[in-house]
Protein backbone atom coordinates (compact mmCIF):
# COMPACT_ATOMS: atom_id res chain seq x y z
CA MET A 1 115.10 99.15 141.95
CA SER A 2 116.81 99.21 138.59
CA GLU A 3 113.58 99.22 136.26
CA LYS A 4 112.52 102.60 138.33
CA ILE A 5 115.97 104.17 136.91
CA SER A 6 115.79 102.82 133.62
CA THR A 7 111.94 104.99 133.03
CA ARG A 8 112.80 107.57 135.63
CA PRO A 9 111.43 110.64 133.84
CA PHE A 10 114.07 113.55 133.19
CA PHE A 11 111.98 115.80 135.32
CA ALA A 12 111.45 114.04 138.83
CA TRP A 13 115.44 115.43 140.14
CA PRO A 14 113.65 118.95 139.69
CA ILE A 15 110.74 117.93 141.47
CA LEU A 16 112.51 116.20 144.17
CA LEU A 17 114.34 119.16 144.73
CA ILE A 18 111.72 121.90 144.06
CA ALA A 19 109.61 119.70 147.06
CA LEU A 20 113.30 119.67 149.18
CA PHE A 21 113.28 123.66 149.11
CA ALA A 22 109.91 124.05 149.20
CA VAL A 23 109.24 121.97 152.78
CA SER A 24 112.34 123.69 153.83
CA SER A 25 110.75 127.04 153.55
CA GLY A 26 108.43 126.65 156.00
CA GLY A 27 110.17 127.11 158.86
CA THR A 28 111.39 130.67 157.50
CA VAL A 29 108.12 132.02 156.46
CA LEU A 30 106.36 130.88 159.89
CA GLN A 31 108.94 132.29 161.85
CA SER A 32 108.61 135.64 159.92
CA MET A 33 104.91 136.06 160.59
CA GLY A 34 106.00 136.69 164.14
CA GLU A 35 103.04 139.25 164.88
CA ILE A 36 100.49 136.34 164.92
CA PRO A 37 99.91 134.08 167.56
CA PRO A 38 101.50 130.79 167.16
CA LEU A 39 99.10 128.35 167.30
CA LEU A 40 96.27 130.67 165.33
CA ARG A 41 99.21 130.71 162.63
CA ALA A 42 99.32 126.98 162.67
CA SER A 43 95.66 126.95 162.41
CA TRP A 44 95.93 129.10 159.31
CA ARG A 45 98.51 127.41 157.71
CA MET A 46 96.69 124.14 158.39
CA GLN A 47 92.76 125.59 156.83
CA GLY A 48 94.89 127.26 153.99
CA THR A 49 96.22 123.92 152.60
CA SER A 50 92.69 122.05 153.50
CA ILE A 51 91.72 124.51 151.07
CA VAL A 52 93.90 123.78 148.57
CA LEU A 53 93.81 119.57 149.39
CA LEU A 54 89.65 119.77 148.96
CA PRO A 55 89.28 119.60 145.29
CA LEU A 56 92.23 117.03 145.17
CA PHE A 57 90.23 114.93 147.85
CA ILE A 58 86.85 115.23 145.53
CA LEU A 59 88.70 114.49 142.85
CA GLN A 60 90.21 110.52 144.17
CA TYR A 61 87.61 109.98 145.72
CA LEU A 62 85.03 109.94 142.70
CA LYS A 63 87.93 107.93 140.77
CA GLN A 64 88.03 105.50 144.05
CA LYS A 65 84.47 104.68 144.75
CA SER A 66 85.58 101.14 145.47
CA TYR A 67 87.37 102.27 148.22
CA GLU A 68 85.27 102.17 151.32
CA LEU A 69 86.47 104.10 154.96
CA THR A 70 85.72 101.27 157.82
CA THR A 71 85.11 102.71 161.64
CA GLN A 72 88.86 101.65 161.88
CA ASP A 73 90.08 104.15 159.23
CA ILE A 74 87.81 107.05 160.91
CA LYS A 75 89.58 106.33 164.14
CA LEU A 76 92.75 106.81 162.52
CA LEU A 77 92.00 109.34 160.84
CA PHE A 78 90.96 111.15 163.82
CA THR A 79 93.57 109.93 165.91
CA SER A 80 96.22 111.07 162.82
CA SER A 81 94.95 114.53 162.64
CA ILE A 82 95.22 114.88 166.50
CA PHE A 83 99.14 114.04 166.23
CA LEU A 84 99.40 116.17 163.39
CA ALA A 85 98.00 119.45 165.51
CA LEU A 86 100.02 118.62 168.32
CA HIS A 87 103.20 118.77 165.43
CA PHE A 88 102.57 121.84 164.45
CA GLY A 89 101.47 123.33 167.16
CA LEU A 90 104.16 122.68 168.78
CA TRP A 91 106.90 123.02 165.85
CA VAL A 92 105.23 126.86 164.96
CA TRP A 93 105.55 127.67 168.87
CA SER A 94 109.72 126.36 169.23
CA LEU A 95 110.13 128.77 165.94
CA ASP A 96 109.43 131.65 168.32
CA ASN A 97 111.63 130.55 171.22
CA THR A 98 114.66 129.25 169.92
CA SER A 99 116.59 130.10 166.55
CA LEU A 100 115.86 128.46 163.09
CA ILE A 101 117.88 126.22 162.43
CA HIS A 102 117.89 124.56 166.51
CA SER A 103 113.91 124.25 165.91
CA LEU A 104 114.64 122.67 162.31
CA LEU A 105 117.44 120.03 164.00
CA PHE A 106 115.32 119.13 166.62
CA VAL A 107 111.83 118.43 164.91
CA SER A 108 113.53 116.84 162.14
CA SER A 109 114.70 114.11 164.63
CA HIS A 110 111.84 111.38 164.39
CA PRO A 111 114.22 108.87 163.46
CA ILE A 112 116.14 108.76 165.85
CA ILE A 113 112.93 108.81 168.41
CA ILE A 114 111.96 105.77 166.33
CA VAL A 115 114.62 104.19 167.48
CA PHE A 116 113.73 104.78 171.22
CA MET A 117 110.08 103.81 170.68
CA MET A 118 111.21 100.53 168.67
CA PRO A 119 110.75 98.56 171.73
CA LEU A 120 106.97 99.80 172.32
CA PHE A 121 106.02 98.48 168.62
CA GLY A 122 108.15 94.97 168.99
CA ASN A 123 111.37 95.47 167.08
CA ARG A 124 114.47 95.04 168.46
CA ALA A 125 117.32 98.04 167.67
CA ASN A 126 120.39 96.74 166.33
CA LYS A 127 124.13 98.25 166.59
CA SER A 128 123.39 101.10 163.84
CA HIS A 129 120.32 101.85 164.73
CA ILE A 130 121.66 102.36 168.41
CA ILE A 131 124.88 104.08 167.39
CA GLY A 132 122.84 106.11 164.89
CA ALA A 133 120.43 107.53 167.73
CA LEU A 134 123.33 108.14 170.17
CA LEU A 135 125.20 109.60 167.39
CA GLY A 136 122.19 112.41 167.26
CA PHE A 137 121.16 112.47 171.28
CA PHE A 138 124.95 113.82 171.63
CA GLY A 139 125.21 115.79 168.56
CA ALA A 140 121.84 117.66 170.34
CA ILE A 141 123.75 118.01 173.74
CA ILE A 142 126.66 119.54 172.04
CA THR A 143 124.31 122.18 170.10
CA PHE A 144 122.46 123.30 173.72
CA GLY A 145 126.07 124.94 174.45
CA ASP A 146 124.74 127.68 172.66
CA LEU A 147 121.78 128.50 175.07
CA GLU A 148 121.42 131.60 176.34
CA ARG A 149 119.48 132.93 179.54
CA ASN A 150 117.63 135.56 177.62
CA GLY A 151 119.02 135.01 174.27
CA GLU A 152 117.32 133.64 170.56
CA ILE A 153 118.45 130.05 171.56
CA THR A 154 116.42 128.69 174.86
CA LEU A 155 115.80 125.37 175.67
CA ILE A 156 112.54 125.71 176.07
CA GLY A 157 111.82 126.66 172.49
CA ASP A 158 114.06 123.26 172.07
CA LEU A 159 112.21 121.10 173.56
CA ALA A 160 108.88 122.30 171.89
CA ALA A 161 110.54 121.52 168.42
CA PHE A 162 111.68 118.08 170.11
CA MET A 163 108.59 117.35 171.11
CA GLY A 164 106.83 118.49 167.45
CA ALA A 165 108.93 115.57 166.31
CA VAL A 166 107.85 112.82 169.25
CA THR A 167 104.32 113.91 168.23
CA VAL A 168 104.82 113.57 164.90
CA VAL A 169 106.00 109.84 164.83
CA GLY A 170 101.92 109.32 165.68
CA TYR A 171 101.46 110.52 162.64
CA ILE A 172 104.13 108.54 160.48
CA PHE A 173 102.99 104.92 161.99
CA ILE A 174 99.18 105.81 161.18
CA GLY A 175 99.87 107.07 157.70
CA ARG A 176 102.06 104.30 157.21
CA HIS A 177 99.36 101.69 157.56
CA LEU A 178 96.60 103.38 156.42
CA ARG A 179 98.67 104.16 153.48
CA SER A 180 100.38 100.96 153.10
CA GLU A 181 99.29 98.31 154.52
CA LYS A 182 95.39 99.32 153.91
CA ASN A 183 95.76 101.26 150.13
CA MET A 184 94.24 104.56 151.11
CA PRO A 185 94.81 106.66 148.57
CA VAL A 186 96.81 109.67 149.32
CA PHE A 187 94.57 113.20 149.10
CA ILE A 188 91.37 110.52 151.10
CA TYR A 189 93.92 110.05 153.75
CA ALA A 190 95.81 114.07 153.67
CA PHE A 191 92.41 116.18 153.43
CA PRO A 192 90.54 114.70 156.48
CA VAL A 193 93.94 114.51 158.39
CA THR A 194 94.98 118.24 157.74
CA LEU A 195 91.35 119.16 158.30
CA GLY A 196 90.72 118.06 161.44
CA ALA A 197 94.06 119.13 162.58
CA GLY A 198 93.41 122.73 161.25
CA ILE A 199 90.31 122.48 163.48
CA TRP A 200 91.95 121.33 166.58
CA LEU A 201 94.30 124.46 166.80
CA SER A 202 91.50 126.86 165.52
CA LEU A 203 90.02 125.45 168.95
CA SER A 204 93.35 125.87 170.79
CA ALA A 205 94.09 129.26 169.82
CA LEU A 206 90.54 130.21 170.53
CA LEU A 207 91.41 129.32 174.42
CA LEU A 208 94.85 129.39 175.10
CA GLU A 209 95.55 132.96 172.64
CA PRO A 210 93.99 136.44 172.65
CA VAL A 211 92.25 135.54 169.29
CA SER A 212 88.10 135.33 168.35
CA ILE A 213 86.09 134.45 165.65
CA SER A 214 85.65 137.85 164.27
CA ASP A 215 87.96 140.66 165.09
CA THR A 216 88.99 143.79 163.25
CA PHE A 217 92.27 143.07 163.49
CA PRO A 218 93.37 140.45 161.20
CA GLU A 219 96.35 138.99 163.30
CA SER A 220 93.76 138.33 166.01
CA GLY A 221 90.82 136.62 163.38
CA LEU A 222 90.28 133.11 163.46
CA PHE A 223 90.39 133.51 159.53
CA GLY A 224 92.32 136.72 159.55
CA TRP A 225 94.43 134.96 156.88
CA PHE A 226 91.46 136.22 154.38
CA ASP A 227 93.03 139.40 154.99
CA SER A 228 94.79 140.72 151.99
CA GLY A 229 97.73 141.43 154.09
CA TRP A 230 98.49 137.63 154.91
CA LEU A 231 96.42 136.21 152.11
CA ILE A 232 99.76 135.65 149.80
CA TRP A 233 101.33 134.41 152.68
CA ILE A 234 99.40 131.22 153.53
CA ILE A 235 98.41 130.98 150.01
CA TYR A 236 102.12 129.97 149.86
CA LEU A 237 102.43 128.30 152.77
CA SER A 238 99.68 125.80 151.30
CA ILE A 239 100.51 125.02 147.78
CA GLY A 240 104.66 125.30 148.30
CA PRO A 241 105.66 123.78 151.65
CA GLY A 242 101.79 121.99 151.44
CA LEU A 243 101.38 120.91 148.15
CA ALA A 244 104.48 121.45 145.65
CA GLY A 245 106.50 120.15 149.13
CA HIS A 246 104.78 117.03 150.10
CA THR A 247 102.51 116.08 147.25
CA GLY A 248 106.18 116.64 145.33
CA ILE A 249 107.22 114.03 147.66
CA ASN A 250 104.73 111.41 146.99
CA THR A 251 105.24 111.97 142.92
CA VAL A 252 108.49 111.17 143.36
CA LEU A 253 108.46 108.10 145.10
CA LYS A 254 107.50 106.30 141.90
CA TRP A 255 110.97 107.06 140.24
CA PHE A 256 112.87 106.73 143.76
CA PRO A 257 113.32 104.55 146.02
CA PRO A 258 112.14 105.84 149.39
CA ILE A 259 115.51 105.66 151.21
CA LEU A 260 116.96 108.25 148.75
CA VAL A 261 114.32 110.48 149.33
CA SER A 262 114.20 110.15 153.15
CA VAL A 263 117.80 110.47 153.08
CA VAL A 264 117.42 114.06 150.91
CA LEU A 265 114.92 115.18 153.02
CA LEU A 266 117.12 115.08 156.19
CA PHE A 267 118.55 118.23 154.69
CA GLU A 268 116.09 119.90 155.49
CA PRO A 269 117.46 122.27 158.51
CA VAL A 270 120.66 123.22 156.49
CA ILE A 271 118.27 123.89 153.21
CA GLY A 272 116.18 126.18 155.83
CA ALA A 273 118.60 127.47 157.30
CA ILE A 274 120.37 128.69 154.16
CA ILE A 275 116.42 129.91 152.83
CA GLY A 276 116.13 131.92 156.49
CA TRP A 277 119.53 133.41 156.12
CA LEU A 278 118.78 134.54 152.32
CA PHE A 279 115.39 135.73 153.54
CA THR A 280 116.56 137.42 156.87
CA GLY A 281 120.26 138.38 156.14
CA GLU A 282 120.47 136.92 159.83
CA LEU A 283 121.84 133.38 160.88
CA THR A 284 121.91 132.54 164.60
CA LEU A 285 124.55 129.89 164.41
CA GLY A 286 126.50 129.33 167.51
CA PHE A 287 129.80 127.22 167.50
CA TRP A 288 128.20 124.53 169.71
CA THR A 289 125.23 124.51 167.05
CA LEU A 290 127.79 123.91 164.17
CA LEU A 291 130.06 121.31 165.97
CA GLY A 292 126.88 119.24 167.12
CA GLY A 293 124.24 119.84 164.04
CA PRO A 294 126.38 117.84 161.58
CA ILE A 295 126.65 115.23 164.45
CA MET A 296 123.27 115.02 164.64
CA LEU A 297 122.50 114.86 161.12
CA ILE A 298 124.78 112.03 160.55
CA GLY A 299 123.29 110.25 163.62
CA THR A 300 119.77 110.62 161.80
CA ILE A 301 121.15 109.69 158.40
CA ILE A 302 122.84 106.53 159.83
CA VAL A 303 119.32 105.88 161.72
CA THR A 304 117.56 106.07 158.56
CA LEU A 305 119.64 103.93 155.98
CA GLU A 306 119.46 101.11 158.68
CA ASP A 307 115.98 101.34 158.78
CA ASN A 308 115.45 100.95 155.22
CA LYS A 309 118.25 97.77 155.58
CA THR A 310 116.05 95.87 157.43
CA ARG A 311 112.83 97.08 155.72
CA ASN A 312 111.43 99.34 158.64
CA ILE A 313 111.19 102.34 156.32
CA TYR A 314 109.53 105.36 157.54
CA ASP A 315 107.44 107.83 155.95
CA GLU A 316 108.04 112.12 155.77
CA SER A 317 105.79 114.23 158.27
CA ILE A 318 103.28 117.49 156.73
CA LYS A 319 105.57 121.13 157.31
C-alpha cells in the first residue's frame, strides 16, 4: 500500500471525487425523466452506455488478442447481463415509486445482502459481519416509519430498490470472478454485459410497457432517446455515470486501496440526495429516514470494512 501511496498522481483524488459525484447523479437524472416508462428509460441508459463502450471494447480487444473467451466465460457474461438488466429495471422503477433517498439507500444495501448470502457460498460470517448486517437491517426498518399510503415514499418502491440490490449481487460476483480470477480486461467484460442488459430491458419494455419500435412520440419509442429532446440526457447518463463514474472507479483502483474506494462510494445516497435537492429544489427526508438512514449507512460501512479485513472484498455495480 505504501508503494501505491508514494506513486499516486496528484489527480487521483479529483478522479475519485468526480466518479463519486457522477455515479451519484444518475438517480436524479433518471427520476427527472418521469415521462418515460421505467423499463424503457433503463433500456435507453444501457443502449447509450453500450455505444460509448463499443470503441473502448474494440481497442482493448485488438490489444488483448491473447485473451480468448471460453464457453464458460460467454455463459457467465450472458448471466451477468441478466442480473444487470434486473438491477437497473428494478431500480429505475423504484425511482418512480418511492423517494430518491429511499431508492438510493436500499439499492446501495448490497454489502448487507452479501452477508446473508455468505453461507450459500461456503463462507462464515463473523461477529462484525453480523453486527453490521443487523445494524443495516434495523436502520432499514426504522426508515419504514416514513411510509405513506398515497405519498411519495411507498413500501413497494422500497422493496423494488432492495430487489435491485439483491440482483446486483449476482453481477458483482460474476464480475469479480471474471475480472480478478480470469483476468478478463475491463471493457471486454463491461461492453457485452451492458449490451446484453440493454437488449433484455428493451424486450421487456416492448412486452410490458406501451412501447413500440417505431413511434411518432419519442417518449414511447424504443430508440426515442435519439430525439433531440432526450439525446442530451442519455449522453450525460452514458458519459457521466456510465463512463466517467465507473471507468473512473476502475482507474483509481490503481492508486487507492479497494477498501477506501468502496467506503467512499457508500456515500452515494448522501451525495445523490444533495444533488437531487440542488437539481429540483425538493428533498423528501422524513424524521424516520433521517434516523434510520445513517444507521443503514454505518452498518454497510462496518460490513465493507470487515470484508476487506477477511479478504472478501466486493467490486462496485454500474448505476
